[in-house]
N, C-alpha and C. Protein backbone atom coordinates (compact mmCIF):
# COMPACT_ATOMS: atom_id res chain seq x y z
N MET A 1 0.96 -1.08 -0.04
CA MET A 1 0.01 0.13 0.02
C MET A 1 0.95 1.20 0.04
N GLN A 2 0.64 2.16 -0.71
CA GLN A 2 1.58 3.30 -1.14
C GLN A 2 0.54 4.49 -0.20
N VAL A 3 1.51 4.93 0.76
CA VAL A 3 0.65 5.98 1.21
C VAL A 3 1.11 7.55 0.83
N HIS A 4 0.47 8.41 0.67
CA HIS A 4 0.63 9.73 -0.10
C HIS A 4 1.37 10.57 1.15
N ASN A 5 2.37 11.03 0.87
CA ASN A 5 3.02 12.19 1.82
C ASN A 5 2.45 13.33 1.58
N LEU A 6 1.78 13.80 2.86
CA LEU A 6 1.00 14.99 2.98
C LEU A 6 1.95 16.33 2.73
N GLN A 7 1.49 17.26 2.15
CA GLN A 7 2.03 18.66 2.17
C GLN A 7 1.18 19.82 2.75
N GLU A 8 1.95 20.75 3.30
CA GLU A 8 1.19 21.44 4.02
C GLU A 8 -0.17 22.16 3.33
N THR A 9 -0.25 22.19 1.98
CA THR A 9 -1.30 22.73 1.27
C THR A 9 -2.26 21.78 0.86
N ASP A 10 -2.16 20.47 1.19
CA ASP A 10 -3.37 19.31 1.15
C ASP A 10 -4.37 19.61 2.15
N THR A 11 -5.39 19.42 1.81
CA THR A 11 -6.67 19.54 2.57
C THR A 11 -6.41 18.34 3.96
N ALA A 12 -6.18 17.33 3.19
CA ALA A 12 -5.86 16.24 4.46
C ALA A 12 -4.75 16.65 5.76
N TYR A 13 -3.79 17.13 5.17
CA TYR A 13 -3.10 17.78 6.26
C TYR A 13 -3.62 18.71 7.37
N LYS A 14 -4.59 19.48 6.95
CA LYS A 14 -5.41 20.15 7.69
C LYS A 14 -6.26 19.57 8.96
N VAL A 15 -6.89 18.47 8.01
CA VAL A 15 -7.56 17.31 8.90
C VAL A 15 -6.73 16.76 10.01
N PHE A 16 -5.80 16.25 9.52
CA PHE A 16 -4.79 15.51 10.46
C PHE A 16 -4.10 16.39 11.60
N LEU A 17 -4.11 17.86 11.17
CA LEU A 17 -3.51 18.88 12.03
C LEU A 17 -4.57 19.05 13.25
N TYR A 18 -6.00 19.32 12.93
CA TYR A 18 -6.79 19.60 13.66
C TYR A 18 -7.30 18.54 14.35
N ILE A 19 -7.33 17.38 14.10
CA ILE A 19 -7.35 15.92 14.85
C ILE A 19 -6.50 15.78 15.92
N PHE A 20 -5.01 16.23 15.39
CA PHE A 20 -4.29 16.36 16.46
C PHE A 20 -4.34 17.15 17.69
N TYR A 21 -4.59 18.24 17.14
CA TYR A 21 -5.04 19.40 18.29
C TYR A 21 -6.21 18.88 19.11
N GLY A 22 -7.17 18.17 18.85
CA GLY A 22 -8.19 17.85 19.72
C GLY A 22 -7.85 16.67 20.31
N CYS A 23 -6.87 15.58 19.79
CA CYS A 23 -6.29 14.71 20.69
C CYS A 23 -5.41 15.26 21.71
N ALA A 24 -4.83 16.38 21.35
CA ALA A 24 -3.57 16.81 22.47
C ALA A 24 -4.48 17.68 23.49
N PHE A 25 -5.62 18.52 23.37
CA PHE A 25 -6.60 19.04 24.32
C PHE A 25 -6.95 18.04 24.84
N ILE A 26 -7.55 16.74 24.54
CA ILE A 26 -7.96 15.69 25.17
C ILE A 26 -6.82 15.21 26.20
N MET A 27 -5.94 14.75 25.78
CA MET A 27 -4.62 14.41 26.77
C MET A 27 -4.18 15.16 27.81
N ALA A 28 -4.28 16.54 27.34
CA ALA A 28 -4.08 17.48 28.69
C ALA A 28 -4.86 17.56 29.20
N SER A 29 -6.25 17.53 28.87
CA SER A 29 -7.26 17.76 30.09
C SER A 29 -7.16 16.71 30.93
N ILE A 30 -7.06 15.39 30.28
CA ILE A 30 -7.26 14.26 31.03
C ILE A 30 -6.24 14.11 32.11
N THR A 31 -5.01 14.62 31.73
CA THR A 31 -3.87 14.62 32.72
C THR A 31 -3.91 15.38 33.75
N ALA A 32 -4.31 16.83 33.24
CA ALA A 32 -4.63 17.73 34.44
C ALA A 32 -5.69 17.28 35.36
N TYR A 33 -6.84 16.60 35.07
CA TYR A 33 -7.71 16.22 35.90
C TYR A 33 -7.09 15.09 36.80
N GLY A 34 -6.37 14.00 36.28
CA GLY A 34 -5.63 12.85 36.67
C GLY A 34 -4.59 13.59 38.00
N ILE A 35 -3.99 14.45 37.80
CA ILE A 35 -3.10 15.07 38.50
C ILE A 35 -3.79 15.87 39.75
N TYR A 36 -4.99 16.33 39.40
CA TYR A 36 -5.68 16.99 40.39
C TYR A 36 -6.35 16.09 41.37
N ALA A 37 -6.76 14.99 40.86
CA ALA A 37 -7.58 13.88 41.54
C ALA A 37 -6.42 13.40 42.30
N MET A 38 -5.43 12.96 41.81
CA MET A 38 -4.37 12.38 42.64
C MET A 38 -3.71 13.38 43.83
N LEU A 39 -3.49 14.64 43.44
CA LEU A 39 -3.15 15.29 44.61
C LEU A 39 -4.23 15.56 45.70
N THR A 40 -5.37 15.47 45.24
CA THR A 40 -6.65 15.63 46.27
C THR A 40 -6.78 14.39 47.22
N GLU A 41 -6.50 13.20 46.43
CA GLU A 41 -6.45 12.07 47.25
C GLU A 41 -5.41 11.85 48.11
N TRP A 42 -4.21 12.33 47.91
CA TRP A 42 -2.99 12.63 48.67
C TRP A 42 -3.12 13.32 49.87
N ASP A 43 -3.93 14.71 49.61
CA ASP A 43 -4.21 15.43 50.72
C ASP A 43 -5.09 14.87 51.76
N LYS A 44 -5.87 14.07 51.40
CA LYS A 44 -6.92 13.60 52.29
C LYS A 44 -6.55 12.30 53.03
N THR A 45 -5.77 11.30 52.37
CA THR A 45 -5.37 9.99 52.60
C THR A 45 -3.85 10.16 52.94
N GLY A 46 -3.01 10.71 52.39
CA GLY A 46 -1.54 10.79 52.28
C GLY A 46 -1.17 9.34 51.43
N THR A 47 -2.02 8.97 50.82
CA THR A 47 -1.48 8.11 49.60
C THR A 47 -2.59 8.24 48.42
N TYR A 48 -1.88 7.45 47.35
CA TYR A 48 -3.05 7.52 46.16
C TYR A 48 -2.72 6.19 45.34
N VAL A 49 -3.71 5.78 44.43
CA VAL A 49 -3.70 4.82 43.46
C VAL A 49 -3.57 5.37 42.31
N MET A 50 -2.21 5.49 41.38
CA MET A 50 -1.96 6.00 40.27
C MET A 50 -2.90 5.69 39.40
N GLY A 51 -3.90 6.36 38.70
CA GLY A 51 -4.67 6.08 37.48
C GLY A 51 -6.09 5.84 37.70
N GLU A 52 -6.32 5.66 39.02
CA GLU A 52 -7.71 4.99 39.65
C GLU A 52 -8.83 6.04 39.33
N ALA A 53 -8.78 7.55 39.56
CA ALA A 53 -9.49 8.30 39.00
C ALA A 53 -10.06 8.11 37.75
N LEU A 54 -8.85 8.08 36.89
CA LEU A 54 -9.11 7.87 35.26
C LEU A 54 -9.87 6.73 34.93
N VAL A 55 -9.64 5.65 35.70
CA VAL A 55 -10.43 4.50 35.60
C VAL A 55 -12.22 4.55 35.84
N LYS A 56 -12.05 5.14 37.06
CA LYS A 56 -13.48 5.22 37.52
C LYS A 56 -14.41 6.60 37.39
N THR A 57 -13.72 7.26 36.36
CA THR A 57 -14.56 8.24 36.02
C THR A 57 -15.11 8.21 34.42
N GLU A 58 -16.25 8.15 34.25
CA GLU A 58 -17.06 8.07 32.76
C GLU A 58 -17.27 9.34 32.43
N PHE A 59 -16.94 9.45 31.15
CA PHE A 59 -17.21 10.69 30.32
C PHE A 59 -17.86 10.19 28.87
N PRO A 60 -18.85 11.11 28.47
CA PRO A 60 -19.46 12.17 29.08
C PRO A 60 -20.55 11.60 29.86
N TYR A 61 -21.09 10.89 30.00
CA TYR A 61 -22.18 10.36 30.92
C TYR A 61 -21.95 8.93 31.50
N LYS A 62 -22.72 8.72 32.34
CA LYS A 62 -22.40 7.34 33.17
C LYS A 62 -22.70 6.07 32.11
N HIS A 63 -21.88 5.13 32.44
CA HIS A 63 -21.85 3.72 31.54
C HIS A 63 -21.25 4.07 30.04
N PHE A 64 -20.62 5.34 29.93
CA PHE A 64 -20.27 5.52 28.70
C PHE A 64 -18.37 5.27 28.90
N ALA A 65 -17.67 5.62 27.90
CA ALA A 65 -16.45 5.43 28.10
C ALA A 65 -15.52 6.11 29.15
N LYS A 66 -14.50 5.52 30.13
CA LYS A 66 -13.73 6.01 31.17
C LYS A 66 -12.63 6.84 30.44
N LEU A 67 -12.16 7.81 31.34
CA LEU A 67 -11.16 8.69 31.06
C LEU A 67 -9.97 8.07 30.67
N SER A 68 -9.75 6.94 31.15
CA SER A 68 -8.54 5.94 30.76
C SER A 68 -8.71 5.59 29.39
N THR A 69 -9.87 5.28 28.94
CA THR A 69 -9.95 4.62 27.68
C THR A 69 -9.87 5.78 26.69
N TRP A 70 -10.37 7.20 26.70
CA TRP A 70 -10.27 8.23 26.08
C TRP A 70 -8.75 8.67 25.97
N LEU A 71 -8.07 8.56 27.14
CA LEU A 71 -6.49 9.03 27.01
C LEU A 71 -5.86 7.66 26.13
N PHE A 72 -6.28 6.52 26.42
CA PHE A 72 -5.70 5.52 25.32
C PHE A 72 -5.92 5.76 23.88
N PHE A 73 -7.18 6.27 23.53
CA PHE A 73 -7.66 6.33 22.12
C PHE A 73 -6.84 7.63 21.67
N SER A 74 -6.92 8.64 22.59
CA SER A 74 -6.42 9.95 21.76
C SER A 74 -5.06 9.99 21.61
N THR A 75 -4.15 9.08 22.36
CA THR A 75 -2.87 8.97 22.57
C THR A 75 -2.31 8.26 20.95
N ILE A 76 -2.98 7.38 20.77
CA ILE A 76 -2.90 6.64 19.54
C ILE A 76 -3.15 7.24 18.27
N ILE A 77 -4.49 7.94 18.49
CA ILE A 77 -4.76 8.71 17.19
C ILE A 77 -3.86 9.91 16.82
N GLY A 78 -3.50 10.53 18.17
CA GLY A 78 -2.75 11.89 18.10
C GLY A 78 -1.25 11.38 17.46
N TRP A 79 -0.85 10.29 17.88
CA TRP A 79 0.51 9.73 17.26
C TRP A 79 0.20 9.56 16.08
N TYR A 80 -0.58 9.10 15.39
CA TYR A 80 -0.99 8.84 13.96
C TYR A 80 -0.92 10.00 13.32
N CYS A 81 -1.70 11.02 13.72
CA CYS A 81 -1.69 12.39 13.01
C CYS A 81 -0.41 13.00 13.02
N VAL A 82 0.38 12.81 14.22
CA VAL A 82 1.69 13.36 14.01
C VAL A 82 2.59 12.76 13.10
N THR A 83 2.41 11.36 12.96
CA THR A 83 3.40 10.79 11.94
C THR A 83 2.86 11.07 10.62
N ARG A 84 1.69 11.66 10.29
CA ARG A 84 1.48 11.95 8.86
C ARG A 84 1.58 13.38 8.84
N ILE A 85 1.76 14.22 9.68
CA ILE A 85 1.69 15.68 9.34
C ILE A 85 3.37 15.95 9.59
N GLY A 86 4.07 15.25 10.28
CA GLY A 86 5.51 15.54 10.48
C GLY A 86 6.40 14.75 9.96
N TRP A 87 6.04 14.05 9.05
CA TRP A 87 6.88 13.07 8.36
C TRP A 87 8.53 13.64 7.87
N LYS A 88 8.32 15.05 7.33
CA LYS A 88 9.37 15.67 6.58
C LYS A 88 10.40 15.58 7.79
N LYS A 89 10.36 15.96 9.08
CA LYS A 89 11.20 16.07 9.96
C LYS A 89 12.19 14.77 10.26
N THR A 90 11.65 13.72 9.69
CA THR A 90 12.74 12.55 9.62
C THR A 90 13.59 12.33 8.56
N THR A 91 13.00 13.21 7.23
CA THR A 91 13.88 12.49 5.90
C THR A 91 15.15 12.92 5.88
N ASN A 92 15.58 13.94 6.59
CA ASN A 92 17.26 14.38 6.65
C ASN A 92 18.10 13.73 7.85
N LEU A 93 17.46 12.96 8.61
CA LEU A 93 18.31 12.25 9.62
C LEU A 93 19.40 11.42 9.17
N ARG A 94 20.51 11.61 9.53
CA ARG A 94 21.90 11.07 9.25
C ARG A 94 21.62 9.43 9.56
N SER A 95 22.37 8.38 9.21
CA SER A 95 22.17 7.27 9.33
C SER A 95 22.75 6.75 10.53
N TRP A 96 23.48 7.47 11.50
CA TRP A 96 23.97 7.15 12.72
C TRP A 96 22.78 7.61 13.59
N LYS A 97 22.09 8.73 13.37
CA LYS A 97 21.14 9.22 14.46
C LYS A 97 19.79 8.35 14.16
N MET A 98 19.59 8.09 12.93
CA MET A 98 18.40 6.88 12.73
C MET A 98 18.58 5.46 13.20
N ALA A 99 19.69 5.19 13.20
CA ALA A 99 20.03 3.99 14.04
C ALA A 99 19.74 3.98 15.64
N LEU A 100 20.31 5.18 16.10
CA LEU A 100 20.08 5.33 17.62
C LEU A 100 18.46 5.65 17.87
N VAL A 101 17.87 6.12 16.83
CA VAL A 101 16.18 6.59 17.08
C VAL A 101 15.72 4.90 16.98
N GLN A 102 16.37 3.96 16.17
CA GLN A 102 15.62 2.82 15.98
C GLN A 102 16.01 2.06 17.12
N LEU A 103 17.09 1.98 17.80
CA LEU A 103 17.31 1.34 18.99
C LEU A 103 16.61 1.61 20.16
N MET A 104 16.22 3.12 20.28
CA MET A 104 15.55 3.81 21.14
C MET A 104 14.27 3.12 21.01
N VAL A 105 13.49 3.40 19.96
CA VAL A 105 12.17 2.98 20.08
C VAL A 105 11.97 1.48 20.17
N LEU A 106 12.88 0.83 19.61
CA LEU A 106 13.10 -0.73 19.68
C LEU A 106 12.73 -1.10 21.35
N GLY A 107 13.82 -0.43 21.90
CA GLY A 107 14.07 -0.65 23.40
C GLY A 107 12.81 -0.37 24.06
N PHE A 108 12.07 0.94 23.85
CA PHE A 108 10.76 1.28 24.58
C PHE A 108 9.63 0.31 24.15
N ALA A 109 9.41 -0.25 22.82
CA ALA A 109 8.64 -1.47 22.60
C ALA A 109 8.67 -2.54 23.30
N ILE A 110 10.04 -3.03 23.49
CA ILE A 110 10.26 -4.12 24.34
C ILE A 110 9.95 -3.97 25.61
N ILE A 111 10.24 -2.87 26.42
CA ILE A 111 9.83 -2.82 27.60
C ILE A 111 8.26 -2.55 27.89
N CYS A 112 7.81 -1.99 26.91
CA CYS A 112 6.38 -1.62 26.97
C CYS A 112 5.60 -2.98 26.76
N LEU A 113 6.12 -3.89 25.74
CA LEU A 113 5.38 -5.13 25.61
C LEU A 113 5.54 -5.95 27.07
N TYR A 114 6.87 -5.86 27.54
CA TYR A 114 6.82 -6.68 28.82
C TYR A 114 5.71 -6.13 29.87
N GLU A 115 5.85 -4.67 30.08
CA GLU A 115 5.10 -4.02 31.02
C GLU A 115 3.59 -4.30 30.87
N THR A 116 2.97 -4.31 29.53
CA THR A 116 1.53 -4.86 29.14
C THR A 116 1.46 -5.99 29.59
N MET A 117 2.23 -7.04 29.36
CA MET A 117 1.99 -8.67 29.39
C MET A 117 1.84 -8.79 30.91
N TYR A 118 2.82 -8.06 31.69
CA TYR A 118 3.17 -8.38 33.07
C TYR A 118 1.81 -7.81 33.81
N ASN A 119 1.34 -6.48 33.44
CA ASN A 119 0.17 -6.10 33.95
C ASN A 119 -1.21 -6.73 33.80
N PHE A 120 -1.40 -7.41 32.48
CA PHE A 120 -2.45 -7.93 32.16
C PHE A 120 -2.37 -9.38 32.83
N THR A 121 -1.22 -9.97 33.09
CA THR A 121 -1.16 -10.95 34.01
C THR A 121 -1.46 -11.05 35.19
N VAL A 122 -0.99 -10.05 35.71
CA VAL A 122 -1.42 -9.86 37.23
C VAL A 122 -2.84 -9.44 37.32
N LEU A 123 -3.52 -8.49 36.40
CA LEU A 123 -4.91 -8.36 36.35
C LEU A 123 -5.72 -9.54 36.13
N ASN A 124 -5.27 -10.65 35.20
CA ASN A 124 -6.08 -11.77 35.35
C ASN A 124 -5.79 -12.59 36.47
N ALA A 125 -4.69 -12.55 37.15
CA ALA A 125 -4.72 -13.44 38.40
C ALA A 125 -5.36 -13.00 39.44
N GLN A 126 -5.52 -11.41 39.44
CA GLN A 126 -6.30 -10.99 40.56
C GLN A 126 -7.80 -11.32 40.62
N ILE A 127 -8.23 -11.03 39.27
CA ILE A 127 -9.58 -11.41 38.80
C ILE A 127 -9.92 -12.79 39.36
N THR A 128 -9.20 -13.78 38.85
CA THR A 128 -9.45 -15.16 38.83
C THR A 128 -9.34 -15.62 40.41
N ALA A 129 -8.33 -15.00 41.26
CA ALA A 129 -8.15 -15.18 42.75
C ALA A 129 -9.45 -14.37 43.23
N GLY A 130 -10.04 -13.41 42.68
CA GLY A 130 -10.85 -12.74 43.41
C GLY A 130 -12.64 -13.42 43.29
N ILE A 131 -12.58 -14.32 42.52
CA ILE A 131 -13.84 -14.86 42.23
C ILE A 131 -14.11 -15.81 43.23
N VAL A 132 -15.18 -15.30 44.05
CA VAL A 132 -15.55 -16.29 45.21
C VAL A 132 -17.15 -16.65 45.03
N ASP A 133 -17.56 -17.68 44.92
CA ASP A 133 -18.77 -18.09 44.77
C ASP A 133 -19.63 -17.60 43.70
N GLY A 134 -18.67 -17.30 42.49
CA GLY A 134 -19.25 -16.87 41.22
C GLY A 134 -19.51 -15.52 41.00
N LYS A 135 -18.89 -14.62 42.04
CA LYS A 135 -18.95 -13.07 42.09
C LYS A 135 -17.63 -12.66 41.81
N VAL A 136 -17.48 -11.84 40.62
CA VAL A 136 -16.47 -11.25 40.31
C VAL A 136 -16.11 -9.95 40.92
N PRO A 137 -14.87 -9.66 41.37
CA PRO A 137 -14.64 -8.65 42.30
C PRO A 137 -14.87 -7.22 41.35
N ASP A 138 -14.56 -6.21 41.80
CA ASP A 138 -14.67 -4.93 41.15
C ASP A 138 -13.36 -4.64 40.49
N ILE A 139 -13.21 -4.86 38.99
CA ILE A 139 -12.23 -4.89 38.13
C ILE A 139 -11.42 -3.49 38.15
N ASP A 140 -12.25 -2.77 38.25
CA ASP A 140 -11.77 -1.12 38.32
C ASP A 140 -10.90 -0.95 39.35
N SER A 141 -11.05 -1.61 40.60
CA SER A 141 -10.40 -1.24 41.94
C SER A 141 -8.91 -1.91 41.88
N LEU A 142 -8.81 -2.93 41.10
CA LEU A 142 -7.58 -4.00 41.42
C LEU A 142 -6.39 -3.09 41.19
N THR A 143 -5.43 -3.17 42.21
CA THR A 143 -4.22 -2.50 41.99
C THR A 143 -2.79 -3.42 42.13
N ILE A 144 -1.84 -2.86 41.94
CA ILE A 144 -0.42 -3.49 41.86
C ILE A 144 0.29 -2.68 42.81
N ALA A 145 0.85 -3.12 43.87
CA ALA A 145 1.99 -2.29 44.66
C ALA A 145 3.47 -2.32 44.26
N TYR A 146 3.20 -1.89 43.19
CA TYR A 146 4.61 -2.20 42.39
C TYR A 146 4.88 -0.73 41.62
N PRO A 147 5.89 -0.03 41.31
CA PRO A 147 7.38 -0.23 41.98
C PRO A 147 7.36 0.22 43.62
N ASP A 148 6.39 0.88 43.84
CA ASP A 148 6.52 1.61 45.44
C ASP A 148 5.13 1.15 46.21
N PRO A 149 5.25 0.51 46.93
CA PRO A 149 4.16 -0.06 47.92
C PRO A 149 3.17 1.08 48.14
N SER A 150 3.49 2.29 48.82
CA SER A 150 2.83 3.34 49.15
C SER A 150 2.22 4.02 47.78
N ARG A 151 2.49 3.77 46.79
CA ARG A 151 1.89 4.55 45.74
C ARG A 151 1.59 3.34 44.71
N PRO A 152 0.27 2.58 44.91
CA PRO A 152 0.19 1.56 43.69
C PRO A 152 -0.36 2.07 42.52
N TRP A 153 -0.34 1.16 41.46
CA TRP A 153 -0.87 1.39 40.09
C TRP A 153 -2.17 0.78 39.89
N ASN A 154 -3.25 1.56 39.36
CA ASN A 154 -4.69 0.80 39.06
C ASN A 154 -4.41 -0.25 37.81
N LEU A 155 -4.58 -1.36 37.94
CA LEU A 155 -4.16 -2.42 36.82
C LEU A 155 -4.70 -2.14 35.51
N ILE A 156 -5.95 -1.61 35.26
CA ILE A 156 -6.59 -1.14 34.03
C ILE A 156 -6.02 -0.01 33.47
N PHE A 157 -5.52 1.00 34.26
CA PHE A 157 -4.75 2.13 34.03
C PHE A 157 -3.43 1.89 33.34
N ALA A 158 -2.77 0.79 33.98
CA ALA A 158 -1.33 0.48 33.78
C ALA A 158 -1.39 -0.29 32.41
N THR A 159 -2.33 -1.18 32.22
CA THR A 159 -2.35 -2.09 31.21
C THR A 159 -2.80 -1.02 29.82
N LYS A 160 -3.82 -0.13 30.10
CA LYS A 160 -3.93 0.63 28.98
C LYS A 160 -2.83 1.70 28.41
N ILE A 161 -2.19 2.03 29.53
CA ILE A 161 -1.10 3.23 29.11
C ILE A 161 -0.03 2.52 28.81
N PHE A 162 0.32 1.21 29.05
CA PHE A 162 1.41 0.48 28.52
C PHE A 162 1.25 -0.06 27.17
N LEU A 163 0.03 -0.34 27.14
CA LEU A 163 -0.52 -1.04 25.73
C LEU A 163 -0.25 0.21 24.66
N ALA A 164 -0.94 1.37 24.90
CA ALA A 164 -0.90 2.64 24.08
C ALA A 164 0.74 2.86 23.65
N ALA A 165 1.63 2.61 24.75
CA ALA A 165 2.91 3.10 24.58
C ALA A 165 3.82 2.01 23.81
N PHE A 166 3.41 0.84 23.91
CA PHE A 166 3.71 -0.46 22.95
C PHE A 166 3.42 -0.11 21.70
N ILE A 167 2.03 0.06 21.41
CA ILE A 167 1.36 0.58 19.99
C ILE A 167 2.35 1.58 19.33
N ILE A 168 2.70 2.65 20.09
CA ILE A 168 3.08 3.93 19.55
C ILE A 168 4.63 3.56 19.26
N SER A 169 5.50 2.95 20.22
CA SER A 169 6.94 2.81 19.98
C SER A 169 7.13 1.56 18.85
N SER A 170 6.00 0.68 18.78
CA SER A 170 6.30 -0.28 17.69
C SER A 170 5.95 0.14 16.06
N HIS A 171 4.90 1.28 16.36
CA HIS A 171 4.73 1.93 14.97
C HIS A 171 5.86 2.92 14.52
N ALA A 172 6.56 3.46 15.67
CA ALA A 172 7.68 4.55 15.41
C ALA A 172 8.77 3.34 14.77
N PHE A 173 8.90 2.26 15.54
CA PHE A 173 10.11 1.38 15.09
C PHE A 173 9.79 1.00 13.69
N TYR A 174 8.64 0.56 13.33
CA TYR A 174 8.15 0.36 11.86
C TYR A 174 8.74 1.20 10.97
N LEU A 175 7.97 2.63 11.36
CA LEU A 175 8.34 3.85 10.43
C LEU A 175 9.47 4.16 10.08
N SER A 176 10.48 3.92 10.99
CA SER A 176 12.00 4.14 11.02
C SER A 176 12.77 3.19 10.22
N THR A 177 12.09 2.07 9.92
CA THR A 177 12.60 1.12 9.01
C THR A 177 12.28 1.24 7.73
N ARG A 178 11.36 1.88 7.26
CA ARG A 178 10.80 2.27 5.96
C ARG A 178 11.94 3.06 5.02
N PRO A 179 12.11 2.90 3.93
CA PRO A 179 12.76 3.93 3.03
C PRO A 179 12.73 5.46 3.01
N ARG A 180 13.54 6.04 3.44
CA ARG A 180 13.18 7.82 3.28
C ARG A 180 12.90 8.23 2.16
N LYS A 181 11.99 9.13 2.13
CA LYS A 181 11.44 9.85 0.80
C LYS A 181 12.06 11.27 0.86
N SER A 182 11.76 11.78 -0.34
CA SER A 182 12.59 13.32 -0.49
C SER A 182 11.20 14.27 0.28
N PRO A 183 11.65 15.21 0.90
CA PRO A 183 10.67 16.14 1.36
C PRO A 183 9.80 16.53 0.31
N ASP A 184 10.24 16.58 -0.77
CA ASP A 184 9.41 17.23 -1.93
C ASP A 184 8.38 16.12 -2.54
N ALA A 185 8.65 14.76 -1.92
CA ALA A 185 7.65 14.01 -2.94
C ALA A 185 6.19 14.24 -2.48
C-alpha cells in the first residue's frame, strides 16, 4: 500500500492537524484532571492509586467510556496524526542518528510489551483469585503495589497506558525502518 506524503497545502494535512490538536486537548485535559484528583487524594489520605480516578470516571455520561479509555484512544490517534503531518522532519536524519532512534524505539517497544503482558497477567490473576462463589470482584479497583508499595497503580490504567506506549513505539520502529523519501515527494 502506497501512502501519499502530505504537504502543508493538502486539505488532508489540515484534517490531521486539527484532529491532532483535538487529541492534544483531550490528553492535556485528562492529565490535568488526573493530577488534580491524585493530589486531592494525597491530601486526604496521604496516599494515592495511580490512574484510579481515570479508570473510575466515565465521560461524557455514566456507563460510557472511562477517561482512561479516552486517554488510550487519543494518544494513539494523536500519534498517527503526528506521523502523517510531521514526516518531513525525519527525512534528513543521518544514518547514525536514525540507528540510535531505531534502537531507542525498539527498546521502548520491548519494555512496553513486557509491562503490558506483566500488568495484564497480574490483572487476570487478581480477577481469578477474587472470584468467590461466582462473584467477580470490582475490576476497576484492582491494583498492584509496584514499584512503590505506598503508591500503587490501578491495573486497568497501567495495562492501557503501557499498551498504548507499545503500539506507538512499535509503529515508530516500523516507520523508522521504511525507506526515506524526499521532502518534495
